[in-house]
C-alpha atoms as a PDB file:
ATOM      1  CA  GLU A   1     -31.185  36.617 -97.678  1.00  0.00           C
ATOM      2  CA  GLN A   2     -29.652  40.001 -98.421  1.00  0.00           C
ATOM      3  CA  ARG A   3     -31.662  42.637-100.213  1.00  0.00           C
ATOM      4  CA  ALA A   4     -31.211  46.330-100.763  1.00  0.00           C
ATOM      5  CA  LYS A   5     -33.234  48.050 -98.048  1.00  0.00           C
ATOM      6  CA  ASP A   6     -33.945  51.205-100.019  1.00  0.00           C
ATOM      7  CA  PRO A   7     -36.613  50.452-102.654  1.00  0.00           C
ATOM      8  CA  LYS A   8     -35.149  53.040-105.046  1.00  0.00           C
ATOM      9  CA  THR A   9     -31.700  51.481-104.793  1.00  0.00           C
ATOM     10  CA  ARG A  10     -33.170  48.024-105.281  1.00  0.00           C
ATOM     11  CA  ALA A  11     -35.152  49.085-108.354  1.00  0.00           C
ATOM     12  CA  SER A  12     -32.086  50.826-109.774  1.00  0.00           C
ATOM     13  CA  MET A  13     -29.905  47.746-109.280  1.00  0.00           C
ATOM     14  CA  TRP A  14     -32.392  45.482-111.063  1.00  0.00           C
ATOM     15  CA  LYS A  15     -32.791  48.006-113.865  1.00  0.00           C
ATOM     16  CA  VAL A  16     -29.023  47.962-114.480  1.00  0.00           C
ATOM     17  CA  LEU A  17     -28.840  44.157-114.339  1.00  0.00           C
ATOM     18  CA  SER A  18     -31.774  43.857-116.696  1.00  0.00           C
ATOM     19  CA  HIS A  19     -30.396  46.397-119.154  1.00  0.00           C
ATOM     20  CA  TYR A  20     -26.798  45.167-119.341  1.00  0.00           C
ATOM     21  CA  PHE A  21     -27.186  41.460-118.611  1.00  0.00           C
ATOM     22  CA  ALA A  22     -30.859  40.674-119.389  1.00  0.00           C
ATOM     23  CA  ILE A  23     -31.310  39.388-115.831  1.00  0.00           C
ATOM     24  CA  THR A  24     -34.604  40.119-114.133  1.00  0.00           C
ATOM     25  CA  GLU A  25     -35.314  39.643-110.449  1.00  0.00           C
ATOM     26  CA  ASP A  26     -37.698  36.795-111.282  1.00  0.00           C
ATOM     27  CA  VAL A  27     -35.070  34.983-113.354  1.00  0.00           C
ATOM     28  CA  ALA A  28     -32.424  35.486-110.650  1.00  0.00           C
ATOM     29  CA  THR A  29     -34.804  34.115-108.011  1.00  0.00           C
ATOM     30  CA  GLU A  30     -35.648  31.130-110.207  1.00  0.00           C
ATOM     31  CA  MET A  31     -31.967  30.360-110.831  1.00  0.00           C
ATOM     32  CA  ASN A  32     -31.140  30.741-107.142  1.00  0.00           C
ATOM     33  CA  ASN A  33     -33.870  28.240-106.283  1.00  0.00           C
ATOM     34  CA  TYR A  34     -32.641  25.835-108.981  1.00  0.00           C
ATOM     35  CA  VAL A  35     -29.047  25.930-107.732  1.00  0.00           C
ATOM     36  CA  GLN A  36     -30.167  25.399-104.146  1.00  0.00           C
ATOM     37  CA  GLN A  37     -32.337  22.425-105.117  1.00  0.00           C
ATOM     38  CA  HIS A  38     -29.655  20.818-107.296  1.00  0.00           C
ATOM     39  CA  PHE A  39     -26.556  21.886-105.357  1.00  0.00           C
ATOM     40  CA  VAL A  40     -25.274  18.402-104.529  1.00  0.00           C
ATOM     41  CA  ASP A  41     -25.719  17.198-108.113  1.00  0.00           C
ATOM     42  CA  ILE A  42     -23.996  20.292-109.535  1.00  0.00           C
ATOM     43  CA  VAL A  43     -21.032  20.037-107.167  1.00  0.00           C
ATOM     44  CA  GLY A  44     -20.786  16.270-107.682  1.00  0.00           C
ATOM     45  CA  ASP A  45     -20.732  16.707-111.448  1.00  0.00           C
ATOM     46  CA  ASN A  46     -17.998  19.324-111.157  1.00  0.00           C
ATOM     47  CA  LEU A  47     -15.995  17.068-108.860  1.00  0.00           C
ATOM     48  CA  ARG A  48     -16.283  14.122-111.264  1.00  0.00           C
ATOM     49  CA  GLY A  49     -15.062  16.377-114.092  1.00  0.00           C
ATOM     50  CA  GLN A  50     -11.878  17.396-112.288  1.00  0.00           C
ATOM     51  CA  CYS A  51      -8.697  15.728-113.505  1.00  0.00           C
ATOM     52  CA  THR A  52     -10.443  13.909-116.354  1.00  0.00           C
ATOM     53  CA  ARG A  53      -9.239  13.827-119.933  1.00  0.00           C
ATOM     54  CA  GLY A  54      -9.722  17.198-121.596  1.00  0.00           C
ATOM     55  CA  HIS A  55     -10.327  19.037-118.320  1.00  0.00           C
ATOM     56  CA  SER A  56      -8.037  20.856-115.975  1.00  0.00           C
ATOM     57  CA  CYS A  57      -6.603  19.143-112.928  1.00  0.00           C
ATOM     58  CA  LYS A  58      -6.281  21.296-109.868  1.00  0.00           C
ATOM     59  CA  ILE A  59      -6.051  19.440-106.585  1.00  0.00           C
ATOM     60  CA  SER A  60      -7.201  22.474-104.575  1.00  0.00           C
ATOM     61  CA  SER A  61     -10.383  22.593-106.684  1.00  0.00           C
ATOM     62  CA  LYS A  62     -11.061  18.910-106.028  1.00  0.00           C
ATOM     63  CA  GLU A  63     -10.508  19.432-102.316  1.00  0.00           C
ATOM     64  CA  GLU A  64     -12.859  22.423-102.185  1.00  0.00           C
ATOM     65  CA  LEU A  65     -15.555  20.635-104.175  1.00  0.00           C
ATOM     66  CA  GLN A  66     -15.274  17.631-101.852  1.00  0.00           C
ATOM     67  CA  ARG A  67     -15.536  19.959 -98.850  1.00  0.00           C
ATOM     68  CA  LEU A  68     -18.711  21.462-100.311  1.00  0.00           C
ATOM     69  CA  LEU A  69     -20.182  17.982-100.802  1.00  0.00           C
ATOM     70  CA  ASP A  70     -19.300  17.044 -97.223  1.00  0.00           C
ATOM     71  CA  VAL A  71     -20.913  20.201 -95.837  1.00  0.00           C
ATOM     72  CA  ALA A  72     -23.998  19.694 -98.034  1.00  0.00           C
ATOM     73  CA  SER A  73     -24.350  16.107 -96.833  1.00  0.00           C
ATOM     74  CA  GLU A  74     -24.476  17.476 -93.283  1.00  0.00           C
ATOM     75  CA  GLY A  75     -27.459  19.567 -94.373  1.00  0.00           C
ATOM     76  CA  LYS A  76     -25.693  22.891 -93.855  1.00  0.00           C
ATOM     77  CA  ILE A  77     -25.956  24.035 -97.483  1.00  0.00           C
ATOM     78  CA  GLY A  78     -27.711  23.069-100.670  1.00  0.00           C
ATOM     79  CA  GLY A  79     -30.872  21.068-101.168  1.00  0.00           C
END
């Protein structure tokens, strides 16, 4: 987990994010936790959507999504 070490820098970064993008540290933490917990489902859904009617078809995207699923199934990433 990377965080700004200087508290003033950290506070300033979150102030900018909050002002311009309406993202608070709590919301970012919550979303990070959600993505980690649902990683396999999210990647699987994206993989199933590749090369389907009405969606783009990029073989390199399918390969990368499959690689992510393989790595996640080994327990190295995701939840």
